[in-house]
């Protein structure tokens, strides 16, 4: 049973790491688009931008409702990255340790 829990926590951490990189790529792409280094007239850039927004918007929406309006600067990605780090490095290891110690 402990092995199954460990594998489950490993899968969750891998998915959180993938989400972390998706948000980082989206942030970099956002800066490149904002400074007109690349533009959304390119089909690949447009498809990538739409895909990343489709993946991340459900995460950002509830956070944007709580955060104050800061104009053009969007802090929702930073909040999500902080939450991912907290879950990945504090919650999951402690939860894993607690479940293992409760099982023995």
C-alpha atoms as a PDB file:
ATOM      1  CA  UNK A   1       0.000   0.000   0.000  1.00  0.00           C
ATOM      2  CA  UNK A   2       2.861   2.384   0.796  1.00  0.00           C
ATOM      3  CA  UNK A   3       4.287   1.806  -2.675  1.00  0.00           C
ATOM      4  CA  UNK A   4       0.991   2.716  -4.309  1.00  0.00           C
ATOM      5  CA  UNK A   5       0.804   5.937  -2.280  1.00  0.00           C
ATOM      6  CA  UNK A   6       4.393   6.805  -3.147  1.00  0.00           C
ATOM      7  CA  UNK A   7       3.706   6.246  -6.838  1.00  0.00           C
ATOM      8  CA  UNK A   8       0.555   8.372  -6.597  1.00  0.00           C
ATOM      9  CA  UNK A   9       2.473  11.223  -4.959  1.00  0.00           C
ATOM     10  CA  UNK A  10       5.209  10.917  -7.586  1.00  0.00           C
ATOM     11  CA  UNK A  11       2.625  11.198 -10.362  1.00  0.00           C
ATOM     12  CA  UNK A  12       1.094  14.286  -8.732  1.00  0.00           C
ATOM     13  CA  UNK A  13       4.544  15.882  -8.417  1.00  0.00           C
ATOM     14  CA  UNK A  14       5.328  15.151 -12.076  1.00  0.00           C
ATOM     15  CA  UNK A  15       2.019  16.703 -13.157  1.00  0.00           C
ATOM     16  CA  UNK A  16       2.703  19.757 -10.994  1.00  0.00           C
ATOM     17  CA  UNK A  17       6.159  20.096 -12.568  1.00  0.00           C
ATOM     18  CA  UNK A  18       4.632  19.915 -16.059  1.00  0.00           C
ATOM     19  CA  UNK A  19       2.107  22.585 -15.070  1.00  0.00           C
ATOM     20  CA  UNK A  20       4.968  24.711 -13.688  1.00  0.00           C
ATOM     21  CA  UNK A  21       6.729  24.613 -17.064  1.00  0.00           C
ATOM     22  CA  UNK A  22       3.527  25.330 -18.971  1.00  0.00           C
ATOM     23  CA  UNK A  23       3.072  28.504 -16.917  1.00  0.00           C
ATOM     24  CA  UNK A  24       6.719  29.522 -17.377  1.00  0.00           C
ATOM     25  CA  UNK A  25       6.511  29.029 -21.150  1.00  0.00           C
ATOM     26  CA  UNK A  26       3.288  31.019 -21.238  1.00  0.00           C
ATOM     27  CA  UNK A  27       4.905  33.863 -19.264  1.00  0.00           C
ATOM     28  CA  UNK A  28       7.891  33.966 -21.625  1.00  0.00           C
ATOM     29  CA  UNK A  29       5.611  33.869 -24.649  1.00  0.00           C
ATOM     30  CA  UNK A  30       3.510  36.662 -23.148  1.00  0.00           C
ATOM     31  CA  UNK A  31       6.567  38.891 -22.768  1.00  0.00           C
ATOM     32  CA  UNK A  32       7.719  38.127 -26.307  1.00  0.00           C
ATOM     33  CA  UNK A  33       4.278  38.981 -27.672  1.00  0.00           C
ATOM     34  CA  UNK A  34       4.026  42.149 -25.537  1.00  0.00           C
ATOM     35  CA  UNK A  35       7.359  43.467 -26.840  1.00  0.00           C
ATOM     36  CA  UNK A  36       6.458  42.447 -30.402  1.00  0.00           C
ATOM     37  CA  UNK A  37       9.405  40.069 -30.716  1.00  0.00           C
ATOM     38  CA  UNK A  38       6.935  37.524 -32.047  1.00  0.00           C
ATOM     39  CA  UNK A  39       3.359  38.135 -33.064  1.00  0.00           C
ATOM     40  CA  UNK A  40       0.183  36.149 -33.090  1.00  0.00           C
ATOM     41  CA  UNK A  41      -0.187  36.478 -36.872  1.00  0.00           C
ATOM     42  CA  UNK A  42       2.120  33.474 -37.096  1.00  0.00           C
ATOM     43  CA  UNK A  43      -0.087  30.363 -37.110  1.00  0.00           C
ATOM     44  CA  UNK A  44       2.212  28.369 -34.815  1.00  0.00           C
ATOM     45  CA  UNK A  45       2.515  31.180 -32.265  1.00  0.00           C
ATOM     46  CA  UNK A  46      -1.224  31.772 -32.368  1.00  0.00           C
ATOM     47  CA  UNK A  47      -2.028  28.079 -31.848  1.00  0.00           C
ATOM     48  CA  UNK A  48       0.525  27.774 -29.039  1.00  0.00           C
ATOM     49  CA  UNK A  49      -0.809  30.908 -27.335  1.00  0.00           C
ATOM     50  CA  UNK A  50      -4.430  29.720 -27.566  1.00  0.00           C
ATOM     51  CA  UNK A  51      -3.489  26.261 -26.287  1.00  0.00           C
ATOM     52  CA  UNK A  52      -1.556  27.603 -23.309  1.00  0.00           C
ATOM     53  CA  UNK A  53      -4.384  29.994 -22.452  1.00  0.00           C
ATOM     54  CA  UNK A  54      -6.891  27.149 -22.652  1.00  0.00           C
ATOM     55  CA  UNK A  55      -4.819  25.109 -20.206  1.00  0.00           C
ATOM     56  CA  UNK A  56      -4.106  27.864 -17.703  1.00  0.00           C
ATOM     57  CA  UNK A  57      -7.198  30.067 -17.736  1.00  0.00           C
ATOM     58  CA  UNK A  58      -9.232  27.761 -15.431  1.00  0.00           C
ATOM     59  CA  UNK A  59      -6.442  28.094 -12.861  1.00  0.00           C
ATOM     60  CA  UNK A  60      -6.101  31.857 -13.200  1.00  0.00           C
ATOM     61  CA  UNK A  61      -9.788  32.783 -13.216  1.00  0.00           C
ATOM     62  CA  UNK A  62     -10.557  32.200  -9.497  1.00  0.00           C
ATOM     63  CA  UNK A  63      -7.295  33.873  -8.475  1.00  0.00           C
ATOM     64  CA  UNK A  64      -8.005  36.933 -10.639  1.00  0.00           C
ATOM     65  CA  UNK A  65     -11.364  37.326  -8.896  1.00  0.00           C
ATOM     66  CA  UNK A  66      -9.598  37.588  -5.528  1.00  0.00           C
ATOM     67  CA  UNK A  67      -6.593  39.709  -6.552  1.00  0.00           C
ATOM     68  CA  UNK A  68      -7.009  43.461  -6.935  1.00  0.00           C
ATOM     69  CA  UNK A  69      -6.918  44.886 -10.453  1.00  0.00           C
ATOM     70  CA  UNK A  70      -3.298  45.810 -11.209  1.00  0.00           C
ATOM     71  CA  UNK A  71      -3.858  47.033 -14.739  1.00  0.00           C
ATOM     72  CA  UNK A  72      -1.704  45.412 -17.394  1.00  0.00           C
ATOM     73  CA  UNK A  73       0.345  43.365 -14.902  1.00  0.00           C
ATOM     74  CA  UNK A  74      -1.246  39.969 -14.198  1.00  0.00           C
ATOM     75  CA  UNK A  75      -0.087  38.404 -10.938  1.00  0.00           C
ATOM     76  CA  UNK A  76      -2.261  35.262 -11.240  1.00  0.00           C
ATOM     77  CA  UNK A  77       0.540  33.169 -12.844  1.00  0.00           C
ATOM     78  CA  UNK A  78       2.893  34.092 -10.001  1.00  0.00           C
ATOM     79  CA  UNK A  79       0.288  33.085  -7.420  1.00  0.00           C
ATOM     80  CA  UNK A  80      -0.238  29.742  -9.176  1.00  0.00           C
ATOM     81  CA  UNK A  81       3.523  29.127  -9.310  1.00  0.00           C
ATOM     82  CA  UNK A  82       3.807  29.853  -5.575  1.00  0.00           C
ATOM     83  CA  UNK A  83       0.893  27.508  -4.840  1.00  0.00           C
ATOM     84  CA  UNK A  84       2.486  24.773  -6.963  1.00  0.00           C
ATOM     85  CA  UNK A  85       5.770  25.187  -5.083  1.00  0.00           C
ATOM     86  CA  UNK A  86       3.992  25.000  -1.716  1.00  0.00           C
ATOM     87  CA  UNK A  87       2.101  21.871  -2.728  1.00  0.00           C
ATOM     88  CA  UNK A  88       5.138  20.246  -4.339  1.00  0.00           C
ATOM     89  CA  UNK A  89       7.698  20.958  -1.625  1.00  0.00           C
ATOM     90  CA  UNK A  90       5.693  21.241   1.589  1.00  0.00           C
ATOM     91  CA  UNK A  91       2.295  19.569   1.355  1.00  0.00           C
ATOM     92  CA  UNK A  92       3.077  16.391  -0.605  1.00  0.00           C
ATOM     93  CA  UNK A  93       6.215  15.357   1.346  1.00  0.00           C
ATOM     94  CA  UNK A  94       4.538  16.007   4.707  1.00  0.00           C
ATOM     95  CA  UNK A  95       1.373  14.222   3.632  1.00  0.00           C
ATOM     96  CA  UNK A  96       3.432  11.301   2.352  1.00  0.00           C
ATOM     97  CA  UNK A  97       5.364  11.093   5.647  1.00  0.00           C
ATOM     98  CA  UNK A  98       2.152  11.309   7.678  1.00  0.00           C
ATOM     99  CA  UNK A  99       0.463   8.549   5.691  1.00  0.00           C
ATOM    100  CA  UNK A 100       3.507   6.301   5.890  1.00  0.00           C
ATOM    101  CA  UNK A 101       3.895   6.817   9.645  1.00  0.00           C
ATOM    102  CA  UNK A 102       0.164   6.217  10.164  1.00  0.00           C
ATOM    103  CA  UNK A 103       0.404   2.959   8.253  1.00  0.00           C
ATOM    104  CA  UNK A 104       3.210   1.548  10.402  1.00  0.00           C
END
